[in-house]
Amino acid sequence: MNITLIINSIVCLLGTAAGLMLAMGSIISIANMKVPWANLLIVAALGVPVAFAVSGIGAWIAHGRGAGSFVTGLIAFPWIYVAVFVVLMLVSFKS
């Protein structure tokens, strides 16, 4: 499990940096949108790097407390969050 956590930590560091860039670009795009849920999209965009940071730190804490299944969920969390965010952005562009 430790190698999984180390790989997750590296991916989360890179994901946090990439998430910041994605958030900045998304906020610029969202600012031009005329959909009623644009404010929620801005908050969701700022949540992308936070999701990776929570995953990286939370997985180590959960592993230290012996919650193996929770570790798996925390590793998957940012990827599910980003996928849902991208789908919401695509739906908003289509509107």
PDB file of N, CA and C in Angstrom:
ATOM      1  N   MET A   1       0.821  -1.197   0.000  1.00  0.00           N
ATOM      2  CA  MET A   1       0.000   0.000   0.000  1.00  0.00           C
ATOM      3  C   MET A   1       0.863   1.257   0.000  1.00  0.00           C
ATOM      4  N   ASN A   2       2.062   1.192   0.562  1.00  0.00           N
ATOM      5  CA  ASN A   2       2.897   2.382   0.628  1.00  0.00           C
ATOM      6  C   ASN A   2       3.316   2.875  -0.750  1.00  0.00           C
ATOM      7  N   ILE A   3       3.611   1.962  -1.686  1.00  0.00           N
ATOM      8  CA  ILE A   3       3.997   2.393  -3.028  1.00  0.00           C
ATOM      9  C   ILE A   3       2.816   3.082  -3.716  1.00  0.00           C
ATOM     10  N   THR A   4       1.609   2.598  -3.451  1.00  0.00           N
ATOM     11  CA  THR A   4       0.418   3.236  -4.002  1.00  0.00           C
ATOM     12  C   THR A   4       0.276   4.653  -3.463  1.00  0.00           C
ATOM     13  N   LEU A   5       0.536   4.827  -2.183  1.00  0.00           N
ATOM     14  CA  LEU A   5       0.439   6.152  -1.581  1.00  0.00           C
ATOM     15  C   LEU A   5       1.523   7.094  -2.093  1.00  0.00           C
ATOM     16  N   ILE A   6       2.704   6.562  -2.324  1.00  0.00           N
ATOM     17  CA  ILE A   6       3.786   7.392  -2.856  1.00  0.00           C
ATOM     18  C   ILE A   6       3.455   7.842  -4.273  1.00  0.00           C
ATOM     19  N   ILE A   7       2.975   6.911  -5.093  1.00  0.00           N
ATOM     20  CA  ILE A   7       2.581   7.268  -6.462  1.00  0.00           C
ATOM     21  C   ILE A   7       1.432   8.270  -6.424  1.00  0.00           C
ATOM     22  N   ASN A   8       0.460   8.048  -5.552  1.00  0.00           N
ATOM     23  CA  ASN A   8      -0.657   8.988  -5.422  1.00  0.00           C
ATOM     24  C   ASN A   8      -0.160  10.362  -4.996  1.00  0.00           C
ATOM     25  N   SER A   9       0.805  10.421  -4.106  1.00  0.00           N
ATOM     26  CA  SER A   9       1.331  11.709  -3.663  1.00  0.00           C
ATOM     27  C   SER A   9       1.981  12.465  -4.814  1.00  0.00           C
ATOM     28  N   ILE A  10       2.753  11.760  -5.630  1.00  0.00           N
ATOM     29  CA  ILE A  10       3.400  12.394  -6.784  1.00  0.00           C
ATOM     30  C   ILE A  10       2.353  12.879  -7.775  1.00  0.00           C
ATOM     31  N   VAL A  11       1.368  12.022  -8.056  1.00  0.00           N
ATOM     32  CA  VAL A  11       0.300  12.388  -8.986  1.00  0.00           C
ATOM     33  C   VAL A  11      -0.499  13.566  -8.429  1.00  0.00           C
ATOM     34  N   CYS A  12      -0.722  13.596  -7.135  1.00  0.00           N
ATOM     35  CA  CYS A  12      -1.484  14.687  -6.534  1.00  0.00           C
ATOM     36  C   CYS A  12      -0.713  16.000  -6.563  1.00  0.00           C
ATOM     37  N   LEU A  13       0.590  15.956  -6.397  1.00  0.00           N
ATOM     38  CA  LEU A  13       1.383  17.176  -6.535  1.00  0.00           C
ATOM     39  C   LEU A  13       1.285  17.725  -7.952  1.00  0.00           C
ATOM     40  N   LEU A  14       1.450  16.840  -8.935  1.00  0.00           N
ATOM     41  CA  LEU A  14       1.317  17.256 -10.327  1.00  0.00           C
ATOM     42  C   LEU A  14      -0.121  17.670 -10.638  1.00  0.00           C
ATOM     43  N   GLY A  15      -1.078  16.941 -10.084  1.00  0.00           N
ATOM     44  CA  GLY A  15      -2.489  17.249 -10.308  1.00  0.00           C
ATOM     45  C   GLY A  15      -2.899  18.577  -9.702  1.00  0.00           C
ATOM     46  N   THR A  16      -2.328  18.918  -8.568  1.00  0.00           N
ATOM     47  CA  THR A  16      -2.630  20.210  -7.958  1.00  0.00           C
ATOM     48  C   THR A  16      -2.113  21.344  -8.836  1.00  0.00           C
ATOM     49  N   ALA A  17      -0.897  21.189  -9.356  1.00  0.00           N
ATOM     50  CA  ALA A  17      -0.343  22.218 -10.247  1.00  0.00           C
ATOM     51  C   ALA A  17      -1.155  22.308 -11.541  1.00  0.00           C
ATOM     52  N   ALA A  18      -1.461  21.167 -12.137  1.00  0.00           N
ATOM     53  CA  ALA A  18      -2.265  21.167 -13.360  1.00  0.00           C
ATOM     54  C   ALA A  18      -3.688  21.654 -13.077  1.00  0.00           C
ATOM     55  N   GLY A  19      -4.208  21.325 -11.911  1.00  0.00           N
ATOM     56  CA  GLY A  19      -5.537  21.771 -11.520  1.00  0.00           C
ATOM     57  C   GLY A  19      -5.609  23.283 -11.368  1.00  0.00           C
ATOM     58  N   LEU A  20      -4.541  23.891 -10.874  1.00  0.00           N
ATOM     59  CA  LEU A  20      -4.504  25.350 -10.790  1.00  0.00           C
ATOM     60  C   LEU A  20      -4.573  25.980 -12.173  1.00  0.00           C
ATOM     61  N   MET A  21      -3.825  25.402 -13.125  1.00  0.00           N
ATOM     62  CA  MET A  21      -3.869  25.921 -14.499  1.00  0.00           C
ATOM     63  C   MET A  21      -5.246  25.697 -15.119  1.00  0.00           C
ATOM     64  N   LEU A  22      -5.831  24.517 -14.885  1.00  0.00           N
ATOM     65  CA  LEU A  22      -7.172  24.233 -15.395  1.00  0.00           C
ATOM     66  C   LEU A  22      -8.182  25.199 -14.793  1.00  0.00           C
ATOM     67  N   ALA A  23      -8.059  25.462 -13.506  1.00  0.00           N
ATOM     68  CA  ALA A  23      -8.985  26.376 -12.833  1.00  0.00           C
ATOM     69  C   ALA A  23      -8.876  27.781 -13.397  1.00  0.00           C
ATOM     70  N   MET A  24      -7.648  28.249 -13.618  1.00  0.00           N
ATOM     71  CA  MET A  24      -7.481  29.596 -14.166  1.00  0.00           C
ATOM     72  C   MET A  24      -8.086  29.703 -15.560  1.00  0.00           C
ATOM     73  N   GLY A  25      -7.819  28.727 -16.398  1.00  0.00           N
ATOM     74  CA  GLY A  25      -8.387  28.739 -17.742  1.00  0.00           C
ATOM     75  C   GLY A  25      -9.898  28.597 -17.728  1.00  0.00           C
ATOM     76  N   SER A  26     -10.397  27.776 -16.837  1.00  0.00           N
ATOM     77  CA  SER A  26     -11.846  27.563 -16.755  1.00  0.00           C
ATOM     78  C   SER A  26     -12.558  28.818 -16.266  1.00  0.00           C
ATOM     79  N   ILE A  27     -11.956  29.507 -15.319  1.00  0.00           N
ATOM     80  CA  ILE A  27     -12.585  30.727 -14.802  1.00  0.00           C
ATOM     81  C   ILE A  27     -12.703  31.773 -15.903  1.00  0.00           C
ATOM     82  N   ILE A  28     -11.697  31.866 -16.756  1.00  0.00           N
ATOM     83  CA  ILE A  28     -11.769  32.804 -17.875  1.00  0.00           C
ATOM     84  C   ILE A  28     -12.919  32.411 -18.815  1.00  0.00           C
ATOM     85  N   SER A  29     -13.059  31.121 -19.091  1.00  0.00           N
ATOM     86  CA  SER A  29     -14.144  30.658 -19.957  1.00  0.00           C
ATOM     87  C   SER A  29     -15.507  30.840 -19.298  1.00  0.00           C
ATOM     88  N   ILE A  30     -15.571  30.554 -18.020  1.00  0.00           N
ATOM     89  CA  ILE A  30     -16.846  30.642 -17.296  1.00  0.00           C
ATOM     90  C   ILE A  30     -17.307  32.096 -17.211  1.00  0.00           C
ATOM     91  N   ALA A  31     -16.367  33.015 -17.112  1.00  0.00           N
ATOM     92  CA  ALA A  31     -16.733  34.431 -17.004  1.00  0.00           C
ATOM     93  C   ALA A  31     -17.510  34.901 -18.234  1.00  0.00           C
ATOM     94  N   ASN A  32     -17.291  34.263 -19.368  1.00  0.00           N
ATOM     95  CA  ASN A  32     -17.987  34.646 -20.599  1.00  0.00           C
ATOM     96  C   ASN A  32     -19.286  33.888 -20.802  1.00  0.00           C
ATOM     97  N   MET A  33     -19.609  32.956 -19.921  1.00  0.00           N
ATOM     98  CA  MET A  33     -20.823  32.151 -20.069  1.00  0.00           C
ATOM     99  C   MET A  33     -22.049  32.932 -19.602  1.00  0.00           C
ATOM    100  N   LYS A  34     -23.168  32.634 -20.217  1.00  0.00           N
ATOM    101  CA  LYS A  34     -24.428  33.278 -19.850  1.00  0.00           C
ATOM    102  C   LYS A  34     -25.405  32.291 -19.219  1.00  0.00           C
ATOM    103  N   VAL A  35     -24.902  31.208 -18.643  1.00  0.00           N
ATOM    104  CA  VAL A  35     -25.775  30.219 -18.011  1.00  0.00           C
ATOM    105  C   VAL A  35     -26.013  30.624 -16.554  1.00  0.00           C
ATOM    106  N   PRO A  36     -27.170  30.264 -16.001  1.00  0.00           N
ATOM    107  CA  PRO A  36     -27.482  30.680 -14.628  1.00  0.00           C
ATOM    108  C   PRO A  36     -26.585  30.036 -13.567  1.00  0.00           C
ATOM    109  N   TRP A  37     -25.945  28.937 -13.885  1.00  0.00           N
ATOM    110  CA  TRP A  37     -25.123  28.235 -12.897  1.00  0.00           C
ATOM    111  C   TRP A  37     -23.630  28.573 -13.060  1.00  0.00           C
ATOM    112  N   ALA A  38     -23.292  29.681 -13.686  1.00  0.00           N
ATOM    113  CA  ALA A  38     -21.887  30.051 -13.899  1.00  0.00           C
ATOM    114  C   ALA A  38     -21.151  30.249 -12.569  1.00  0.00           C
ATOM    115  N   ASN A  39     -21.819  30.821 -11.585  1.00  0.00           N
ATOM    116  CA  ASN A  39     -21.164  31.023 -10.283  1.00  0.00           C
ATOM    117  C   ASN A  39     -20.789  29.698  -9.635  1.00  0.00           C
ATOM    118  N   LEU A  40     -21.644  28.704  -9.776  1.00  0.00           N
ATOM    119  CA  LEU A  40     -21.332  27.381  -9.216  1.00  0.00           C
ATOM    120  C   LEU A  40     -20.172  26.732  -9.963  1.00  0.00           C
ATOM    121  N   LEU A  41     -20.079  26.990 -11.268  1.00  0.00           N
ATOM    122  CA  LEU A  41     -18.957  26.453 -12.037  1.00  0.00           C
ATOM    123  C   LEU A  41     -17.628  27.069 -11.598  1.00  0.00           C
ATOM    124  N   ILE A  42     -17.654  28.345 -11.240  1.00  0.00           N
ATOM    125  CA  ILE A  42     -16.429  28.987 -10.754  1.00  0.00           C
ATOM    126  C   ILE A  42     -15.967  28.332  -9.456  1.00  0.00           C
ATOM    127  N   VAL A  43     -16.905  28.085  -8.558  1.00  0.00           N
ATOM    128  CA  VAL A  43     -16.560  27.410  -7.297  1.00  0.00           C
ATOM    129  C   VAL A  43     -16.050  25.998  -7.582  1.00  0.00           C
ATOM    130  N   ALA A  44     -16.695  25.299  -8.513  1.00  0.00           N
ATOM    131  CA  ALA A  44     -16.262  23.942  -8.863  1.00  0.00           C
ATOM    132  C   ALA A  44     -14.873  23.956  -9.503  1.00  0.00           C
ATOM    133  N   ALA A  45     -14.578  24.978 -10.313  1.00  0.00           N
ATOM    134  CA  ALA A  45     -13.250  25.084 -10.924  1.00  0.00           C
ATOM    135  C   ALA A  45     -12.175  25.263  -9.867  1.00  0.00           C
ATOM    136  N   LEU A  46     -12.470  26.061  -8.856  1.00  0.00           N
ATOM    137  CA  LEU A  46     -11.493  26.251  -7.775  1.00  0.00           C
ATOM    138  C   LEU A  46     -11.337  24.997  -6.922  1.00  0.00           C
ATOM    139  N   GLY A  47     -12.319  24.113  -6.993  1.00  0.00           N
ATOM    140  CA  GLY A  47     -12.241  22.869  -6.238  1.00  0.00           C
ATOM    141  C   GLY A  47     -11.352  21.804  -6.856  1.00  0.00           C
ATOM    142  N   VAL A  48     -10.978  21.975  -8.118  1.00  0.00           N
ATOM    143  CA  VAL A  48     -10.142  20.954  -8.776  1.00  0.00           C
ATOM    144  C   VAL A  48      -8.788  20.804  -8.086  1.00  0.00           C
ATOM    145  N   PRO A  49      -8.001  21.878  -7.903  1.00  0.00           N
ATOM    146  CA  PRO A  49      -6.728  21.668  -7.201  1.00  0.00           C
ATOM    147  C   PRO A  49      -6.921  21.252  -5.746  1.00  0.00           C
ATOM    148  N   VAL A  50      -8.006  21.708  -5.135  1.00  0.00           N
ATOM    149  CA  VAL A  50      -8.287  21.318  -3.747  1.00  0.00           C
ATOM    150  C   VAL A  50      -8.553  19.820  -3.661  1.00  0.00           C
ATOM    151  N   ALA A  51      -9.253  19.272  -4.648  1.00  0.00           N
ATOM    152  CA  ALA A  51      -9.545  17.833  -4.645  1.00  0.00           C
ATOM    153  C   ALA A  51      -8.261  17.017  -4.687  1.00  0.00           C
ATOM    154  N   PHE A  52      -7.298  17.452  -5.500  1.00  0.00           N
ATOM    155  CA  PHE A  52      -6.027  16.729  -5.558  1.00  0.00           C
ATOM    156  C   PHE A  52      -5.244  16.867  -4.258  1.00  0.00           C
ATOM    157  N   ALA A  53      -5.265  18.043  -3.651  1.00  0.00           N
ATOM    158  CA  ALA A  53      -4.558  18.235  -2.383  1.00  0.00           C
ATOM    159  C   ALA A  53      -5.187  17.400  -1.272  1.00  0.00           C
ATOM    160  N   VAL A  54      -6.508  17.377  -1.218  1.00  0.00           N
ATOM    161  CA  VAL A  54      -7.209  16.579  -0.209  1.00  0.00           C
ATOM    162  C   VAL A  54      -6.912  15.096  -0.405  1.00  0.00           C
ATOM    163  N   SER A  55      -6.869  14.664  -1.656  1.00  0.00           N
ATOM    164  CA  SER A  55      -6.566  13.264  -1.934  1.00  0.00           C
ATOM    165  C   SER A  55      -5.164  12.891  -1.472  1.00  0.00           C
ATOM    166  N   GLY A  56      -4.195  13.735  -1.798  1.00  0.00           N
ATOM    167  CA  GLY A  56      -2.812  13.432  -1.439  1.00  0.00           C
ATOM    168  C   GLY A  56      -2.585  13.375   0.056  1.00  0.00           C
ATOM    169  N   ILE A  57      -3.122  14.343   0.775  1.00  0.00           N
ATOM    170  CA  ILE A  57      -2.922  14.394   2.224  1.00  0.00           C
ATOM    171  C   ILE A  57      -3.844  13.402   2.934  1.00  0.00           C
ATOM    172  N   GLY A  58      -5.097  13.364   2.506  1.00  0.00           N
ATOM    173  CA  GLY A  58      -6.078  12.508   3.164  1.00  0.00           C
ATOM    174  C   GLY A  58      -5.780  11.029   3.050  1.00  0.00           C
ATOM    175  N   ALA A  59      -5.199  10.615   1.922  1.00  0.00           N
ATOM    176  CA  ALA A  59      -4.884   9.194   1.755  1.00  0.00           C
ATOM    177  C   ALA A  59      -3.840   8.740   2.774  1.00  0.00           C
ATOM    178  N   TRP A  60      -2.846   9.587   3.030  1.00  0.00           N
ATOM    179  CA  TRP A  60      -1.839   9.239   4.038  1.00  0.00           C
ATOM    180  C   TRP A  60      -2.443   9.194   5.443  1.00  0.00           C
ATOM    181  N   ILE A  61      -3.306  10.140   5.740  1.00  0.00           N
ATOM    182  CA  ILE A  61      -3.939  10.160   7.062  1.00  0.00           C
ATOM    183  C   ILE A  61      -4.830   8.934   7.237  1.00  0.00           C
ATOM    184  N   ALA A  62      -5.629   8.623   6.219  1.00  0.00           N
ATOM    185  CA  ALA A  62      -6.514   7.457   6.304  1.00  0.00           C
ATOM    186  C   ALA A  62      -5.708   6.168   6.411  1.00  0.00           C
ATOM    187  N   HIS A  63      -4.594   6.088   5.679  1.00  0.00           N
ATOM    188  CA  HIS A  63      -3.746   4.892   5.770  1.00  0.00           C
ATOM    189  C   HIS A  63      -3.146   4.751   7.169  1.00  0.00           C
ATOM    190  N   GLY A  64      -2.750   5.866   7.732  1.00  0.00           N
ATOM    191  CA  GLY A  64      -2.188   5.839   9.087  1.00  0.00           C
ATOM    192  C   GLY A  64      -3.190   5.391  10.132  1.00  0.00           C
ATOM    193  N   ARG A  65      -4.454   5.636   9.877  1.00  0.00           N
ATOM    194  CA  ARG A  65      -5.510   5.224  10.809  1.00  0.00           C
ATOM    195  C   ARG A  65      -6.099   3.867  10.472  1.00  0.00           C
ATOM    196  N   GLY A  66      -5.593   3.226   9.419  1.00  0.00           N
ATOM    197  CA  GLY A  66      -6.015   1.865   9.089  1.00  0.00           C
ATOM    198  C   GLY A  66      -7.298   1.756   8.295  1.00  0.00           C
ATOM    199  N   ALA A  67      -7.692   2.814   7.594  1.00  0.00           N
ATOM    200  CA  ALA A  67      -8.937   2.790   6.815  1.00  0.00           C
ATOM    201  C   ALA A  67      -8.605   2.543   5.347  1.00  0.00           C
ATOM    202  N   GLY A  68      -8.358   1.281   4.999  1.00  0.00           N
ATOM    203  CA  GLY A  68      -7.918   0.923   3.653  1.00  0.00           C
ATOM    204  C   GLY A  68      -8.907   1.252   2.563  1.00  0.00           C
ATOM    205  N   SER A  69     -10.172   0.978   2.786  1.00  0.00           N
ATOM    206  CA  SER A  69     -11.161   1.264   1.743  1.00  0.00           C
ATOM    207  C   SER A  69     -11.356   2.764   1.560  1.00  0.00           C
ATOM    208  N   PHE A  70     -11.184   3.521   2.619  1.00  0.00           N
ATOM    209  CA  PHE A  70     -11.284   4.975   2.524  1.00  0.00           C
ATOM    210  C   PHE A  70     -10.122   5.551   1.726  1.00  0.00           C
ATOM    211  N   VAL A  71      -8.950   4.911   1.834  1.00  0.00           N
ATOM    212  CA  VAL A  71      -7.782   5.321   1.043  1.00  0.00           C
ATOM    213  C   VAL A  71      -8.085   5.179  -0.436  1.00  0.00           C
ATOM    214  N   THR A  72      -8.687   4.065  -0.810  1.00  0.00           N
ATOM    215  CA  THR A  72      -9.038   3.837  -2.217  1.00  0.00           C
ATOM    216  C   THR A  72     -10.004   4.909  -2.711  1.00  0.00           C
ATOM    217  N   GLY A  73     -10.971   5.253  -1.912  1.00  0.00           N
ATOM    218  CA  GLY A  73     -11.916   6.299  -2.276  1.00  0.00           C
ATOM    219  C   GLY A  73     -11.245   7.650  -2.421  1.00  0.00           C
ATOM    220  N   LEU A  74     -10.306   7.956  -1.532  1.00  0.00           N
ATOM    221  CA  LEU A  74      -9.597   9.229  -1.624  1.00  0.00           C
ATOM    222  C   LEU A  74      -8.689   9.289  -2.844  1.00  0.00           C
ATOM    223  N   ILE A  75      -8.134   8.157  -3.239  1.00  0.00           N
ATOM    224  CA  ILE A  75      -7.299   8.132  -4.448  1.00  0.00           C
ATOM    225  C   ILE A  75      -8.161   8.363  -5.684  1.00  0.00           C
ATOM    226  N   ALA A  76      -9.373   7.832  -5.685  1.00  0.00           N
ATOM    227  CA  ALA A  76     -10.269   7.984  -6.841  1.00  0.00           C
ATOM    228  C   ALA A  76     -10.979   9.337  -6.860  1.00  0.00           C
ATOM    229  N   PHE A  77     -11.125   9.979  -5.716  1.00  0.00           N
ATOM    230  CA  PHE A  77     -11.918  11.197  -5.596  1.00  0.00           C
ATOM    231  C   PHE A  77     -11.568  12.300  -6.589  1.00  0.00           C
ATOM    232  N   PRO A  78     -10.296  12.712  -6.732  1.00  0.00           N
ATOM    233  CA  PRO A  78     -10.044  13.832  -7.644  1.00  0.00           C
ATOM    234  C   PRO A  78     -10.345  13.504  -9.100  1.00  0.00           C
ATOM    235  N   TRP A  79     -10.165  12.249  -9.484  1.00  0.00           N
ATOM    236  CA  TRP A  79     -10.435  11.860 -10.873  1.00  0.00           C
ATOM    237  C   TRP A  79     -11.928  11.893 -11.166  1.00  0.00           C
ATOM    238  N   ILE A  80     -12.723  11.460 -10.212  1.00  0.00           N
ATOM    239  CA  ILE A  80     -14.183  11.520 -10.380  1.00  0.00           C
ATOM    240  C   ILE A  80     -14.626  12.981 -10.393  1.00  0.00           C
ATOM    241  N   TYR A  81     -14.065  13.786  -9.513  1.00  0.00           N
ATOM    242  CA  TYR A  81     -14.412  15.210  -9.441  1.00  0.00           C
ATOM    243  C   TYR A  81     -14.080  15.916 -10.754  1.00  0.00           C
ATOM    244  N   VAL A  82     -12.893  15.675 -11.288  1.00  0.00           N
ATOM    245  CA  VAL A  82     -12.492  16.313 -12.542  1.00  0.00           C
ATOM    246  C   VAL A  82     -13.383  15.839 -13.689  1.00  0.00           C
ATOM    247  N   ALA A  83     -13.713  14.562 -13.729  1.00  0.00           N
ATOM    248  CA  ALA A  83     -14.577  14.048 -14.798  1.00  0.00           C
ATOM    249  C   ALA A  83     -15.954  14.706 -14.748  1.00  0.00           C
ATOM    250  N   VAL A  84     -16.527  14.838 -13.567  1.00  0.00           N
ATOM    251  CA  VAL A  84     -17.835  15.486 -13.427  1.00  0.00           C
ATOM    252  C   VAL A  84     -17.732  16.963 -13.805  1.00  0.00           C
ATOM    253  N   PHE A  85     -16.652  17.620 -13.395  1.00  0.00           N
ATOM    254  CA  PHE A  85     -16.465  19.029 -13.725  1.00  0.00           C
ATOM    255  C   PHE A  85     -16.358  19.231 -15.241  1.00  0.00           C
ATOM    256  N   VAL A  86     -15.606  18.381 -15.907  1.00  0.00           N
ATOM    257  CA  VAL A  86     -15.464  18.493 -17.362  1.00  0.00           C
ATOM    258  C   VAL A  86     -16.808  18.274 -18.055  1.00  0.00           C
ATOM    259  N   VAL A  87     -17.579  17.302 -17.593  1.00  0.00           N
ATOM    260  CA  VAL A  87     -18.904  17.076 -18.178  1.00  0.00           C
ATOM    261  C   VAL A  87     -19.794  18.299 -17.970  1.00  0.00           C
ATOM    262  N   LEU A  88     -19.769  18.883 -16.785  1.00  0.00           N
ATOM    263  CA  LEU A  88     -20.558  20.089 -16.524  1.00  0.00           C
ATOM    264  C   LEU A  88     -20.120  21.258 -17.403  1.00  0.00           C
ATOM    265  N   MET A  89     -18.827  21.382 -17.614  1.00  0.00           N
ATOM    266  CA  MET A  89     -18.336  22.439 -18.497  1.00  0.00           C
ATOM    267  C   MET A  89     -18.807  22.211 -19.927  1.00  0.00           C
ATOM    268  N   LEU A  90     -18.746  20.973 -20.402  1.00  0.00           N
ATOM    269  CA  LEU A  90     -19.195  20.678 -21.762  1.00  0.00           C
ATOM    270  C   LEU A  90     -20.689  20.942 -21.930  1.00  0.00           C
ATOM    271  N   VAL A  91     -21.468  20.573 -20.925  1.00  0.00           N
ATOM    272  CA  VAL A  91     -22.907  20.851 -20.976  1.00  0.00           C
ATOM    273  C   VAL A  91     -23.150  22.361 -20.990  1.00  0.00           C
ATOM    274  N   SER A  92     -22.357  23.090 -20.229  1.00  0.00           N
ATOM    275  CA  SER A  92     -22.522  24.548 -20.184  1.00  0.00           C
ATOM    276  C   SER A  92     -22.132  25.196 -21.505  1.00  0.00           C
ATOM    277  N   PHE A  93     -21.108  24.670 -22.169  1.00  0.00           N
ATOM    278  CA  PHE A  93     -20.727  25.209 -23.467  1.00  0.00           C
ATOM    279  C   PHE A  93     -21.812  24.960 -24.497  1.00  0.00           C
ATOM    280  N   LYS A  94     -22.474  23.808 -24.373  1.00  0.00           N
ATOM    281  CA  LYS A  94     -23.518  23.455 -25.320  1.00  0.00           C
ATOM    282  C   LYS A  94     -24.763  24.325 -25.125  1.00  0.00           C
ATOM    283  N   SER A  95     -24.991  24.782 -23.906  1.00  0.00           N
ATOM    284  CA  SER A  95     -26.185  25.599 -23.603  1.00  0.00           C
ATOM    285  C   SER A  95     -26.092  26.985 -24.195  1.00  0.00           C
TER     286      SER A  95
END
